[in-house]
Amino acid sequence: MNDVIRVSGMQAGSPMIRFLYKGGNVQNLQGEMVTVDHVMCTMSALSDEFRIKFHHFQVVAELNDRRYVLHIEPAGDMSRPVLQQLLPTFERELGKVNENYAMFRADRLIGSPCLRVMSRGWFERLSRDHMARSGRDSQFKPSVLASAVEHPEMVETSIELG
């Protein structure tokens, strides 16, 4: 099954468990072990703080540059100033949910993150690719944490922290 769960307490002698993510959905540059749960919490905080929605997002560990890259396809238009605010907020929120990430960033063992805005239709293209590979249009679960982005040619804008 390879599921990662968290026991949150006991009830009537039985453990109360919460599904976190499928095992293997972890990226690691320095020992920080970023998980899907970390990404989902971080993106939920971004969405709440900026009151924005995404068609899709994906965090990619770039081993050569020793940094994380946030790829987003916003559900609506986003101004350049808002995009520029997303990146430091992403870093802050990821550090809140992953102490090791915050520590390794502070020690500069992990590089500054990068934001890449994907062209409209990126999520739809990922869905079509899945359909072509699997022959099924149901149960498509797009990856939110990966070692490489699918369709890098769809990057519209890239923003560096700093």
N, C-alpha and C. Protein backbone atom coordinates (compact mmCIF):
# COMPACT_ATOMS: atom_id res chain seq x y z
N MET A 1 0.84 -1.19 0.00
CA MET A 1 0.00 0.00 0.00
C MET A 1 0.88 1.25 0.00
N ASN A 2 1.93 1.27 0.82
CA ASN A 2 2.90 2.36 0.84
C ASN A 2 2.29 3.72 1.19
N ASP A 3 1.28 3.73 2.06
CA ASP A 3 0.68 4.98 2.51
C ASP A 3 1.42 5.49 3.74
N VAL A 4 1.52 6.80 3.88
CA VAL A 4 2.08 7.41 5.08
C VAL A 4 0.92 7.99 5.86
N ILE A 5 0.84 7.59 7.12
CA ILE A 5 -0.27 8.00 7.98
C ILE A 5 0.29 8.65 9.24
N ARG A 6 -0.58 9.32 9.98
CA ARG A 6 -0.21 9.88 11.27
C ARG A 6 -1.25 9.41 12.30
N VAL A 7 -0.76 8.90 13.41
CA VAL A 7 -1.65 8.54 14.51
C VAL A 7 -1.85 9.80 15.33
N SER A 8 -3.10 10.23 15.44
CA SER A 8 -3.40 11.49 16.10
C SER A 8 -3.95 11.32 17.51
N GLY A 9 -4.12 10.08 17.93
CA GLY A 9 -4.63 9.83 19.27
C GLY A 9 -5.23 8.44 19.34
N MET A 10 -5.88 8.20 20.45
CA MET A 10 -6.51 6.91 20.66
C MET A 10 -7.98 7.14 21.02
N GLN A 11 -8.82 6.21 20.60
CA GLN A 11 -10.23 6.28 20.94
C GLN A 11 -10.69 4.85 21.21
N ALA A 12 -11.16 4.64 22.42
CA ALA A 12 -11.65 3.32 22.84
C ALA A 12 -10.60 2.24 22.58
N GLY A 13 -9.32 2.58 22.83
CA GLY A 13 -8.24 1.60 22.68
C GLY A 13 -7.75 1.40 21.26
N SER A 14 -8.32 2.12 20.31
CA SER A 14 -7.89 1.99 18.91
C SER A 14 -7.24 3.29 18.45
N PRO A 15 -6.20 3.18 17.61
CA PRO A 15 -5.55 4.39 17.12
C PRO A 15 -6.44 5.14 16.12
N MET A 16 -6.42 6.46 16.23
CA MET A 16 -7.10 7.31 15.25
C MET A 16 -6.03 7.74 14.25
N ILE A 17 -6.22 7.37 12.98
CA ILE A 17 -5.19 7.65 11.99
C ILE A 17 -5.69 8.62 10.94
N ARG A 18 -4.73 9.33 10.36
CA ARG A 18 -5.02 10.28 9.29
C ARG A 18 -4.08 9.97 8.13
N PHE A 19 -4.64 9.79 6.94
CA PHE A 19 -3.82 9.58 5.75
C PHE A 19 -3.10 10.88 5.42
N LEU A 20 -1.78 10.82 5.18
CA LEU A 20 -1.02 12.02 4.82
C LEU A 20 -0.71 12.05 3.33
N TYR A 21 -0.11 10.98 2.82
CA TYR A 21 0.25 10.93 1.41
C TYR A 21 0.74 9.54 1.06
N LYS A 22 0.85 9.30 -0.23
CA LYS A 22 1.41 8.04 -0.70
C LYS A 22 2.91 8.04 -0.45
N GLY A 23 3.43 6.94 0.01
CA GLY A 23 4.86 6.82 0.23
C GLY A 23 5.62 7.04 -1.07
N GLY A 24 6.83 7.53 -0.96
CA GLY A 24 7.63 7.82 -2.14
C GLY A 24 7.44 9.23 -2.65
N ASN A 25 6.42 9.93 -2.15
CA ASN A 25 6.17 11.31 -2.57
C ASN A 25 6.94 12.27 -1.68
N VAL A 26 8.26 12.16 -1.73
CA VAL A 26 9.15 12.98 -0.91
C VAL A 26 10.28 13.47 -1.81
N GLN A 27 10.67 14.72 -1.63
CA GLN A 27 11.86 15.24 -2.30
C GLN A 27 12.83 15.69 -1.23
N ASN A 28 14.11 15.59 -1.54
CA ASN A 28 15.12 15.84 -0.54
C ASN A 28 16.38 16.38 -1.20
N LEU A 29 16.82 17.54 -0.79
CA LEU A 29 18.06 18.13 -1.30
C LEU A 29 19.20 18.01 -0.30
N GLN A 30 18.86 18.14 1.01
CA GLN A 30 19.90 18.24 2.04
C GLN A 30 19.57 17.44 3.29
N GLY A 31 18.39 16.83 3.33
CA GLY A 31 17.95 16.14 4.53
C GLY A 31 16.66 16.73 5.08
N GLU A 32 16.08 17.68 4.34
CA GLU A 32 14.87 18.37 4.80
C GLU A 32 13.61 17.55 4.58
N MET A 33 13.64 16.60 3.65
CA MET A 33 12.52 15.69 3.39
C MET A 33 11.19 16.41 3.20
N VAL A 34 11.04 17.14 2.11
CA VAL A 34 9.78 17.83 1.80
C VAL A 34 8.78 16.80 1.29
N THR A 35 7.59 16.81 1.90
CA THR A 35 6.55 15.85 1.56
C THR A 35 5.37 16.54 0.88
N VAL A 36 4.49 15.73 0.34
CA VAL A 36 3.26 16.25 -0.26
C VAL A 36 2.46 17.02 0.79
N ASP A 37 2.43 16.54 2.01
CA ASP A 37 1.70 17.22 3.08
C ASP A 37 2.28 18.63 3.31
N HIS A 38 3.60 18.76 3.29
CA HIS A 38 4.22 20.08 3.43
C HIS A 38 3.78 21.01 2.29
N VAL A 39 3.80 20.48 1.08
CA VAL A 39 3.41 21.27 -0.10
C VAL A 39 1.95 21.70 0.00
N MET A 40 1.07 20.77 0.37
CA MET A 40 -0.36 21.09 0.44
C MET A 40 -0.64 22.14 1.51
N CYS A 41 0.00 22.02 2.66
CA CYS A 41 -0.18 23.03 3.72
C CYS A 41 0.33 24.39 3.27
N THR A 42 1.48 24.40 2.61
CA THR A 42 2.08 25.64 2.13
C THR A 42 1.17 26.30 1.10
N MET A 43 0.68 25.53 0.15
CA MET A 43 -0.15 26.10 -0.91
C MET A 43 -1.51 26.53 -0.39
N SER A 44 -2.02 25.85 0.61
CA SER A 44 -3.28 26.27 1.24
C SER A 44 -3.09 27.63 1.90
N ALA A 45 -1.96 27.82 2.58
CA ALA A 45 -1.67 29.11 3.21
C ALA A 45 -1.54 30.21 2.17
N LEU A 46 -0.87 29.91 1.04
CA LEU A 46 -0.74 30.91 -0.04
C LEU A 46 -2.11 31.29 -0.59
N SER A 47 -2.90 30.29 -0.85
CA SER A 47 -4.24 30.52 -1.40
C SER A 47 -5.08 31.38 -0.47
N ASP A 48 -5.01 31.07 0.83
CA ASP A 48 -5.77 31.84 1.82
C ASP A 48 -5.26 33.27 1.94
N GLU A 49 -3.95 33.43 2.03
CA GLU A 49 -3.37 34.76 2.24
C GLU A 49 -3.62 35.70 1.06
N PHE A 50 -3.50 35.17 -0.16
CA PHE A 50 -3.65 36.02 -1.35
C PHE A 50 -5.03 35.92 -1.98
N ARG A 51 -5.86 35.05 -1.42
CA ARG A 51 -7.21 34.82 -1.96
C ARG A 51 -7.16 34.50 -3.45
N ILE A 52 -6.33 33.52 -3.76
CA ILE A 52 -6.16 33.08 -5.14
C ILE A 52 -6.42 31.58 -5.24
N LYS A 53 -6.71 31.17 -6.45
CA LYS A 53 -6.92 29.75 -6.74
C LYS A 53 -5.98 29.36 -7.87
N PHE A 54 -5.65 28.09 -7.87
CA PHE A 54 -4.76 27.55 -8.89
C PHE A 54 -5.47 26.42 -9.63
N HIS A 55 -5.25 26.35 -10.96
CA HIS A 55 -5.69 25.16 -11.69
C HIS A 55 -4.80 24.00 -11.27
N HIS A 56 -3.52 24.29 -11.09
CA HIS A 56 -2.58 23.27 -10.66
C HIS A 56 -1.32 23.95 -10.13
N PHE A 57 -0.61 23.23 -9.29
CA PHE A 57 0.70 23.67 -8.81
C PHE A 57 1.56 22.43 -8.62
N GLN A 58 2.85 22.63 -8.71
CA GLN A 58 3.78 21.52 -8.52
C GLN A 58 5.10 22.09 -8.02
N VAL A 59 5.65 21.47 -6.99
CA VAL A 59 6.95 21.85 -6.47
C VAL A 59 7.96 20.82 -6.96
N VAL A 60 9.02 21.31 -7.57
CA VAL A 60 10.05 20.45 -8.14
C VAL A 60 11.37 20.72 -7.44
N ALA A 61 12.05 19.64 -7.06
CA ALA A 61 13.38 19.74 -6.48
C ALA A 61 14.40 19.76 -7.62
N GLU A 62 15.08 20.88 -7.78
CA GLU A 62 16.13 20.99 -8.80
C GLU A 62 17.46 20.66 -8.13
N LEU A 63 17.92 19.46 -8.37
CA LEU A 63 19.13 18.98 -7.70
C LEU A 63 20.37 19.77 -8.08
N ASN A 64 20.50 20.12 -9.36
CA ASN A 64 21.69 20.85 -9.81
C ASN A 64 21.84 22.21 -9.14
N ASP A 65 20.72 22.91 -8.96
CA ASP A 65 20.75 24.22 -8.31
C ASP A 65 20.45 24.14 -6.81
N ARG A 66 20.18 22.94 -6.33
CA ARG A 66 19.90 22.70 -4.90
C ARG A 66 18.82 23.67 -4.39
N ARG A 67 17.69 23.67 -5.10
CA ARG A 67 16.59 24.55 -4.71
C ARG A 67 15.27 23.92 -5.14
N TYR A 68 14.21 24.49 -4.59
CA TYR A 68 12.86 24.08 -4.98
C TYR A 68 12.28 25.13 -5.91
N VAL A 69 11.53 24.65 -6.90
CA VAL A 69 10.88 25.52 -7.87
C VAL A 69 9.38 25.28 -7.79
N LEU A 70 8.64 26.35 -7.55
CA LEU A 70 7.19 26.29 -7.50
C LEU A 70 6.64 26.62 -8.88
N HIS A 71 5.93 25.68 -9.48
CA HIS A 71 5.26 25.88 -10.77
C HIS A 71 3.78 26.07 -10.49
N ILE A 72 3.19 27.10 -11.06
CA ILE A 72 1.76 27.35 -10.83
C ILE A 72 1.06 27.64 -12.15
N GLU A 73 -0.19 27.23 -12.22
CA GLU A 73 -1.11 27.70 -13.26
C GLU A 73 -2.26 28.36 -12.52
N PRO A 74 -2.22 29.70 -12.41
CA PRO A 74 -3.29 30.39 -11.68
C PRO A 74 -4.64 30.21 -12.37
N ALA A 75 -5.71 30.22 -11.57
CA ALA A 75 -7.05 30.10 -12.13
C ALA A 75 -7.51 31.41 -12.77
N GLY A 76 -6.85 32.51 -12.42
CA GLY A 76 -7.19 33.81 -12.99
C GLY A 76 -5.93 34.62 -13.21
N ASP A 77 -6.11 35.84 -13.67
CA ASP A 77 -4.96 36.72 -13.90
C ASP A 77 -4.32 37.12 -12.58
N MET A 78 -3.01 37.19 -12.58
CA MET A 78 -2.26 37.63 -11.41
C MET A 78 -1.26 38.69 -11.84
N SER A 79 -1.23 39.80 -11.13
CA SER A 79 -0.31 40.87 -11.47
C SER A 79 1.11 40.49 -11.09
N ARG A 80 2.06 41.16 -11.71
CA ARG A 80 3.48 40.90 -11.41
C ARG A 80 3.80 41.16 -9.93
N PRO A 81 3.29 42.25 -9.33
CA PRO A 81 3.56 42.45 -7.89
C PRO A 81 3.04 41.31 -7.01
N VAL A 82 1.88 40.76 -7.33
CA VAL A 82 1.36 39.63 -6.55
C VAL A 82 2.25 38.41 -6.75
N LEU A 83 2.63 38.15 -7.99
CA LEU A 83 3.53 37.02 -8.26
C LEU A 83 4.82 37.16 -7.47
N GLN A 84 5.35 38.36 -7.39
CA GLN A 84 6.60 38.59 -6.67
C GLN A 84 6.43 38.39 -5.16
N GLN A 85 5.23 38.61 -4.65
CA GLN A 85 4.97 38.38 -3.23
C GLN A 85 4.76 36.90 -2.92
N LEU A 86 4.34 36.12 -3.92
CA LEU A 86 4.09 34.71 -3.69
C LEU A 86 5.35 33.96 -3.25
N LEU A 87 6.47 34.27 -3.86
CA LEU A 87 7.69 33.50 -3.62
C LEU A 87 8.20 33.62 -2.18
N PRO A 88 8.36 34.83 -1.62
CA PRO A 88 8.79 34.87 -0.22
C PRO A 88 7.76 34.27 0.74
N THR A 89 6.49 34.36 0.38
CA THR A 89 5.45 33.76 1.21
C THR A 89 5.53 32.24 1.13
N PHE A 90 5.77 31.72 -0.07
CA PHE A 90 5.97 30.28 -0.24
C PHE A 90 7.13 29.80 0.64
N GLU A 91 8.23 30.51 0.61
CA GLU A 91 9.39 30.12 1.40
C GLU A 91 9.08 30.17 2.91
N ARG A 92 8.43 31.24 3.34
CA ARG A 92 8.07 31.38 4.76
C ARG A 92 7.16 30.24 5.21
N GLU A 93 6.13 29.97 4.43
CA GLU A 93 5.14 28.96 4.81
C GLU A 93 5.73 27.55 4.76
N LEU A 94 6.59 27.27 3.77
CA LEU A 94 7.23 25.95 3.72
C LEU A 94 8.14 25.77 4.93
N GLY A 95 8.82 26.84 5.33
CA GLY A 95 9.66 26.79 6.52
C GLY A 95 8.88 26.57 7.80
N LYS A 96 7.65 27.07 7.85
CA LYS A 96 6.80 26.87 9.03
C LYS A 96 6.41 25.41 9.21
N VAL A 97 6.13 24.73 8.10
CA VAL A 97 5.67 23.34 8.19
C VAL A 97 6.82 22.33 8.11
N ASN A 98 8.01 22.80 7.74
CA ASN A 98 9.17 21.91 7.65
C ASN A 98 10.37 22.65 8.26
N GLU A 99 10.62 22.38 9.54
CA GLU A 99 11.70 23.07 10.26
C GLU A 99 13.06 22.84 9.62
N ASN A 100 13.27 21.64 9.09
CA ASN A 100 14.56 21.35 8.46
C ASN A 100 14.78 22.21 7.22
N TYR A 101 13.72 22.42 6.44
CA TYR A 101 13.83 23.30 5.28
C TYR A 101 14.26 24.69 5.75
N ALA A 102 13.59 25.22 6.76
CA ALA A 102 13.91 26.56 7.27
C ALA A 102 15.36 26.63 7.75
N MET A 103 15.80 25.62 8.45
CA MET A 103 17.15 25.59 8.99
C MET A 103 18.19 25.53 7.86
N PHE A 104 17.97 24.66 6.88
CA PHE A 104 18.93 24.52 5.78
C PHE A 104 18.94 25.75 4.89
N ARG A 105 17.80 26.42 4.75
CA ARG A 105 17.77 27.68 3.99
C ARG A 105 18.53 28.76 4.74
N ALA A 106 18.33 28.84 6.06
CA ALA A 106 19.03 29.85 6.86
C ALA A 106 20.55 29.64 6.79
N ASP A 107 20.97 28.39 6.72
CA ASP A 107 22.40 28.06 6.62
C ASP A 107 22.91 28.08 5.18
N ARG A 108 22.01 28.40 4.26
CA ARG A 108 22.32 28.47 2.82
C ARG A 108 22.81 27.14 2.24
N LEU A 109 22.34 26.06 2.82
CA LEU A 109 22.63 24.73 2.29
C LEU A 109 21.65 24.35 1.19
N ILE A 110 20.52 25.06 1.16
CA ILE A 110 19.52 24.95 0.10
C ILE A 110 19.39 26.34 -0.50
N GLY A 111 19.37 26.41 -1.83
CA GLY A 111 19.28 27.69 -2.52
C GLY A 111 17.89 28.31 -2.43
N SER A 112 17.82 29.56 -2.83
CA SER A 112 16.55 30.30 -2.84
C SER A 112 15.58 29.65 -3.82
N PRO A 113 14.32 29.58 -3.45
CA PRO A 113 13.34 28.99 -4.37
C PRO A 113 13.08 29.90 -5.56
N CYS A 114 12.43 29.35 -6.54
CA CYS A 114 12.10 30.05 -7.78
C CYS A 114 10.62 29.80 -8.06
N LEU A 115 9.97 30.76 -8.72
CA LEU A 115 8.58 30.62 -9.13
C LEU A 115 8.52 30.60 -10.65
N ARG A 116 7.81 29.64 -11.18
CA ARG A 116 7.58 29.59 -12.63
C ARG A 116 6.08 29.53 -12.87
N VAL A 117 5.61 30.53 -13.61
CA VAL A 117 4.20 30.59 -13.97
C VAL A 117 4.04 29.85 -15.29
N MET A 118 3.15 28.88 -15.30
CA MET A 118 2.92 28.05 -16.47
C MET A 118 1.81 28.64 -17.34
N SER A 119 1.88 28.36 -18.62
CA SER A 119 0.85 28.84 -19.56
C SER A 119 -0.50 28.24 -19.22
N ARG A 120 -1.55 29.00 -19.57
CA ARG A 120 -2.90 28.46 -19.42
C ARG A 120 -3.00 27.17 -20.22
N GLY A 121 -3.66 26.20 -19.61
CA GLY A 121 -3.82 24.91 -20.27
C GLY A 121 -2.83 23.85 -19.82
N TRP A 122 -1.90 24.22 -18.94
CA TRP A 122 -0.91 23.25 -18.44
C TRP A 122 -1.60 22.06 -17.77
N PHE A 123 -2.52 22.34 -16.85
CA PHE A 123 -3.22 21.26 -16.16
C PHE A 123 -4.00 20.40 -17.15
N GLU A 124 -4.66 21.04 -18.08
CA GLU A 124 -5.43 20.30 -19.08
C GLU A 124 -4.52 19.39 -19.90
N ARG A 125 -3.35 19.88 -20.22
CA ARG A 125 -2.39 19.07 -20.98
C ARG A 125 -1.90 17.88 -20.16
N LEU A 126 -1.65 18.09 -18.87
CA LEU A 126 -1.27 16.97 -17.99
C LEU A 126 -2.38 15.93 -17.95
N SER A 127 -3.62 16.39 -17.90
CA SER A 127 -4.77 15.48 -17.88
C SER A 127 -4.85 14.68 -19.17
N ARG A 128 -4.68 15.35 -20.29
CA ARG A 128 -4.71 14.66 -21.59
C ARG A 128 -3.58 13.64 -21.70
N ASP A 129 -2.40 14.01 -21.22
CA ASP A 129 -1.27 13.09 -21.24
C ASP A 129 -1.58 11.83 -20.43
N HIS A 130 -2.19 12.04 -19.26
CA HIS A 130 -2.56 10.90 -18.41
C HIS A 130 -3.55 10.00 -19.14
N MET A 131 -4.54 10.60 -19.76
CA MET A 131 -5.55 9.84 -20.51
C MET A 131 -4.89 9.04 -21.63
N ALA A 132 -3.96 9.65 -22.34
CA ALA A 132 -3.29 8.97 -23.45
C ALA A 132 -2.44 7.79 -22.93
N ARG A 133 -1.81 7.96 -21.77
CA ARG A 133 -0.97 6.88 -21.22
C ARG A 133 -1.80 5.76 -20.61
N SER A 134 -2.86 6.13 -19.90
CA SER A 134 -3.60 5.13 -19.12
C SER A 134 -4.87 4.64 -19.79
N GLY A 135 -5.40 5.44 -20.72
CA GLY A 135 -6.67 5.09 -21.32
C GLY A 135 -7.86 5.40 -20.43
N ARG A 136 -7.59 6.03 -19.27
CA ARG A 136 -8.66 6.36 -18.32
C ARG A 136 -8.67 7.86 -18.07
N ASP A 137 -9.87 8.40 -17.93
CA ASP A 137 -9.95 9.82 -17.58
C ASP A 137 -10.37 10.00 -16.12
N SER A 138 -10.61 8.91 -15.43
CA SER A 138 -10.97 9.01 -14.02
C SER A 138 -9.74 8.72 -13.15
N GLN A 139 -9.82 9.13 -11.93
CA GLN A 139 -8.79 8.90 -10.92
C GLN A 139 -7.45 9.54 -11.29
N PHE A 140 -7.47 10.62 -12.03
CA PHE A 140 -6.23 11.33 -12.34
C PHE A 140 -5.84 12.15 -11.13
N LYS A 141 -4.67 11.87 -10.58
CA LYS A 141 -4.16 12.59 -9.43
C LYS A 141 -2.84 13.23 -9.83
N PRO A 142 -2.88 14.48 -10.24
CA PRO A 142 -1.65 15.12 -10.70
C PRO A 142 -0.64 15.27 -9.56
N SER A 143 0.60 15.12 -9.89
CA SER A 143 1.67 15.22 -8.91
C SER A 143 1.86 16.67 -8.47
N VAL A 144 1.96 16.88 -7.17
CA VAL A 144 2.23 18.23 -6.65
C VAL A 144 3.66 18.35 -6.14
N LEU A 145 4.39 17.24 -6.15
CA LEU A 145 5.79 17.22 -5.71
C LEU A 145 6.54 16.27 -6.64
N ALA A 146 7.59 16.76 -7.27
CA ALA A 146 8.25 15.96 -8.29
C ALA A 146 9.73 16.29 -8.40
N SER A 147 10.44 15.46 -9.16
CA SER A 147 11.85 15.72 -9.43
C SER A 147 12.05 16.40 -10.77
N ALA A 148 10.99 16.49 -11.57
CA ALA A 148 11.06 17.20 -12.86
C ALA A 148 9.65 17.65 -13.23
N VAL A 149 9.56 18.81 -13.86
CA VAL A 149 8.26 19.32 -14.27
C VAL A 149 7.91 18.74 -15.65
N GLU A 150 6.65 18.40 -15.81
CA GLU A 150 6.19 17.97 -17.12
C GLU A 150 5.88 19.21 -17.95
N HIS A 151 6.28 19.19 -19.19
CA HIS A 151 6.06 20.29 -20.15
C HIS A 151 6.75 21.58 -19.73
N PRO A 152 8.07 21.53 -19.56
CA PRO A 152 8.81 22.76 -19.21
C PRO A 152 8.70 23.84 -20.29
N GLU A 153 8.34 23.45 -21.49
CA GLU A 153 8.17 24.43 -22.57
C GLU A 153 6.98 25.35 -22.31
N MET A 154 6.16 25.03 -21.32
CA MET A 154 4.98 25.83 -21.02
C MET A 154 5.27 26.91 -19.95
N VAL A 155 6.53 27.06 -19.56
CA VAL A 155 6.87 28.11 -18.60
C VAL A 155 6.73 29.46 -19.30
N GLU A 156 5.90 30.34 -18.72
CA GLU A 156 5.66 31.67 -19.27
C GLU A 156 6.56 32.72 -18.61
N THR A 157 6.66 32.63 -17.30
CA THR A 157 7.39 33.61 -16.51
C THR A 157 8.19 32.90 -15.43
N SER A 158 9.37 33.41 -15.17
CA SER A 158 10.19 32.85 -14.09
C SER A 158 10.58 34.00 -13.17
N ILE A 159 10.41 33.81 -11.87
CA ILE A 159 10.73 34.84 -10.88
C ILE A 159 11.67 34.24 -9.84
N GLU A 160 12.76 34.94 -9.60
CA GLU A 160 13.74 34.50 -8.61
C GLU A 160 13.52 35.27 -7.31
N LEU A 161 13.86 34.63 -6.19
CA LEU A 161 13.77 35.30 -4.91
C LEU A 161 15.01 36.16 -4.73
N GLY A 162 14.83 37.35 -4.24
CA GLY A 162 16.01 38.15 -3.97
C GLY A 162 15.87 39.51 -4.47
